[in-house]
Structure formats: structure tokens, C-alpha cells
Amino acid sequence: MVVEDNSPRATHDKEFIAADSNPNSPNKDNVYVTWTVFLGDKNGNYLSSPIFGSMSTDHALTWSTPEEISGASKTLCFFR
């Protein structure tokens, strides 16, 4: 299990998982997972939807502490 959340204000959704299978990669066999956390207020109104990520370096036996990876980059996100 990558993350567990018992908050009624958070919904974890849009899970994606990938593994590095490149035989020449220094990260071969690492597993990566990302997901969106939809956050709402106590009345159920939408507040935000940050994207989180975690990785495993031991074939998904253990996972890193989830980190928010969403954000904005002026270099990559220049359309507004």
C-alpha cells in the first residue's frame, strides 16, 4: 500500500503506475506511482487537486513517503 487516508475531505483518484524496464538504466526495476488527491471543505466543495508521487526501489515491497509533485513551471507551462 502506497498511501492510506481516512479523511472524508480527501479522495484519491487517477492512479498510474510504471516500472523502469530499460536494461541500461541506473534505475532499472524502480517502480513509480502517481495519483491525484481531490480535496474538499467540510461542506463537500472542491478546494484543490494536487498530484502526488511515490517510488519503490525494492520491487514494490516498500514505498517512499508520498510527495506532492504537481506545480507550475514557466518553462514548461507557458500557455495560459
C-alpha atoms as a PDB file:
ATOM      1  CA  MET A   1       0.000   0.000   0.000  1.00  0.00           C
ATOM      2  CA  VAL A   2       1.442   3.351  -1.038  1.00  0.00           C
ATOM      3  CA  VAL A   3      -0.865   5.668   0.879  1.00  0.00           C
ATOM      4  CA  GLU A   4      -3.769   5.404   3.299  1.00  0.00           C
ATOM      5  CA  ASP A   5      -6.020   8.308   4.168  1.00  0.00           C
ATOM      6  CA  ASN A   6      -9.106   8.237   6.364  1.00  0.00           C
ATOM      7  CA  SER A   7     -10.059  11.861   5.770  1.00  0.00           C
ATOM      8  CA  PRO A   8     -13.617  12.381   4.500  1.00  0.00           C
ATOM      9  CA  ARG A   9     -12.296  15.541   2.788  1.00  0.00           C
ATOM     10  CA  ALA A  10      -9.828  13.715   0.503  1.00  0.00           C
ATOM     11  CA  THR A  11     -10.489  11.410  -2.443  1.00  0.00           C
ATOM     12  CA  HIS A  12      -7.522   9.615  -4.011  1.00  0.00           C
ATOM     13  CA  ASP A  13      -8.061   9.004  -7.727  1.00  0.00           C
ATOM     14  CA  LYS A  14      -6.370   8.693 -11.140  1.00  0.00           C
ATOM     15  CA  GLU A  15      -3.682   6.204 -10.105  1.00  0.00           C
ATOM     16  CA  PHE A  16      -0.921   5.484 -12.621  1.00  0.00           C
ATOM     17  CA  ILE A  17       1.964   3.057 -12.181  1.00  0.00           C
ATOM     18  CA  ALA A  18       5.104   2.462 -14.249  1.00  0.00           C
ATOM     19  CA  ALA A  19       8.331   0.481 -13.898  1.00  0.00           C
ATOM     20  CA  ASP A  20      11.712   1.288 -15.404  1.00  0.00           C
ATOM     21  CA  SER A  21      12.477  -1.720 -17.615  1.00  0.00           C
ATOM     22  CA  ASN A  22      15.380  -0.216 -19.573  1.00  0.00           C
ATOM     23  CA  PRO A  23      18.287  -2.670 -19.145  1.00  0.00           C
ATOM     24  CA  ASN A  24      20.809   0.209 -19.359  1.00  0.00           C
ATOM     25  CA  SER A  25      19.076   2.452 -16.823  1.00  0.00           C
ATOM     26  CA  PRO A  26      20.666   3.021 -13.412  1.00  0.00           C
ATOM     27  CA  ASN A  27      17.072   2.969 -12.093  1.00  0.00           C
ATOM     28  CA  LYS A  28      16.110  -0.346 -13.731  1.00  0.00           C
ATOM     29  CA  ASP A  29      13.287  -2.091 -11.869  1.00  0.00           C
ATOM     30  CA  ASN A  30      12.286   1.001  -9.893  1.00  0.00           C
ATOM     31  CA  VAL A  31       8.505   1.331  -9.686  1.00  0.00           C
ATOM     32  CA  TYR A  32       6.753   4.717  -9.774  1.00  0.00           C
ATOM     33  CA  VAL A  33       3.159   5.560  -8.881  1.00  0.00           C
ATOM     34  CA  THR A  34       1.284   8.865  -9.155  1.00  0.00           C
ATOM     35  CA  TRP A  35      -2.249   9.868  -8.179  1.00  0.00           C
ATOM     36  CA  THR A  36      -4.453  12.893  -7.697  1.00  0.00           C
ATOM     37  CA  VAL A  37      -5.908  13.843  -4.310  1.00  0.00           C
ATOM     38  CA  PHE A  38      -9.161  15.759  -4.663  1.00  0.00           C
ATOM     39  CA  LEU A  39      -9.598  17.904  -1.565  1.00  0.00           C
ATOM     40  CA  GLY A  40     -12.830  19.477  -0.376  1.00  0.00           C
ATOM     41  CA  ASP A  41     -14.030  21.539   2.529  1.00  0.00           C
ATOM     42  CA  LYS A  42     -16.363  20.309   5.273  1.00  0.00           C
ATOM     43  CA  ASN A  43     -19.355  21.056   3.023  1.00  0.00           C
ATOM     44  CA  GLY A  44     -18.002  18.965   0.152  1.00  0.00           C
ATOM     45  CA  ASN A  45     -16.978  21.930  -2.006  1.00  0.00           C
ATOM     46  CA  TYR A  46     -13.911  21.431  -4.208  1.00  0.00           C
ATOM     47  CA  LEU A  47     -10.724  23.107  -2.950  1.00  0.00           C
ATOM     48  CA  SER A  48      -7.789  21.688  -4.914  1.00  0.00           C
ATOM     49  CA  SER A  49      -6.405  18.595  -6.639  1.00  0.00           C
ATOM     50  CA  PRO A  50      -2.653  18.170  -6.067  1.00  0.00           C
ATOM     51  CA  ILE A  51      -0.782  15.318  -7.727  1.00  0.00           C
ATOM     52  CA  PHE A  52       1.373  13.060  -5.559  1.00  0.00           C
ATOM     53  CA  GLY A  53       4.082  10.541  -6.356  1.00  0.00           C
ATOM     54  CA  SER A  54       5.958   7.740  -4.658  1.00  0.00           C
ATOM     55  CA  MET A  55       8.632   5.267  -5.752  1.00  0.00           C
ATOM     56  CA  SER A  56       9.880   1.840  -4.812  1.00  0.00           C
ATOM     57  CA  THR A  57      13.418   0.567  -5.267  1.00  0.00           C
ATOM     58  CA  ASP A  58      12.708  -2.967  -3.988  1.00  0.00           C
ATOM     59  CA  HIS A  59      10.108  -4.288  -6.442  1.00  0.00           C
ATOM     60  CA  ALA A  60       7.174  -2.594  -4.649  1.00  0.00           C
ATOM     61  CA  LEU A  61       7.817  -4.143  -1.252  1.00  0.00           C
ATOM     62  CA  THR A  62       8.221  -0.705   0.326  1.00  0.00           C
ATOM     63  CA  TRP A  63       7.452   2.810  -0.930  1.00  0.00           C
ATOM     64  CA  SER A  64       8.938   6.243  -0.389  1.00  0.00           C
ATOM     65  CA  THR A  65       6.969   8.821   1.559  1.00  0.00           C
ATOM     66  CA  PRO A  66       4.465  10.357  -0.889  1.00  0.00           C
ATOM     67  CA  GLU A  67       5.401  13.827  -2.113  1.00  0.00           C
ATOM     68  CA  GLU A  68       3.367  16.429  -3.936  1.00  0.00           C
ATOM     69  CA  ILE A  69       4.772  16.634  -7.460  1.00  0.00           C
ATOM     70  CA  SER A  70       2.237  18.976  -9.063  1.00  0.00           C
ATOM     71  CA  GLY A  71       3.096  22.572  -9.655  1.00  0.00           C
ATOM     72  CA  ALA A  72       3.771  25.101 -12.352  1.00  0.00           C
ATOM     73  CA  SER A  73       6.816  25.661 -14.492  1.00  0.00           C
ATOM     74  CA  LYS A  74       7.158  28.849 -16.500  1.00  0.00           C
ATOM     75  CA  THR A  75       9.460  26.937 -18.856  1.00  0.00           C
ATOM     76  CA  LEU A  76       7.058  24.038 -19.483  1.00  0.00           C
ATOM     77  CA  CYS A  77       3.651  25.636 -18.828  1.00  0.00           C
ATOM     78  CA  PHE A  78       3.643  28.785 -20.901  1.00  0.00           C
ATOM     79  CA  PHE A  79       0.104  28.567 -22.343  1.00  0.00           C
ATOM     80  CA  ARG A  80      -2.463  30.407 -20.228  1.00  0.00           C
END
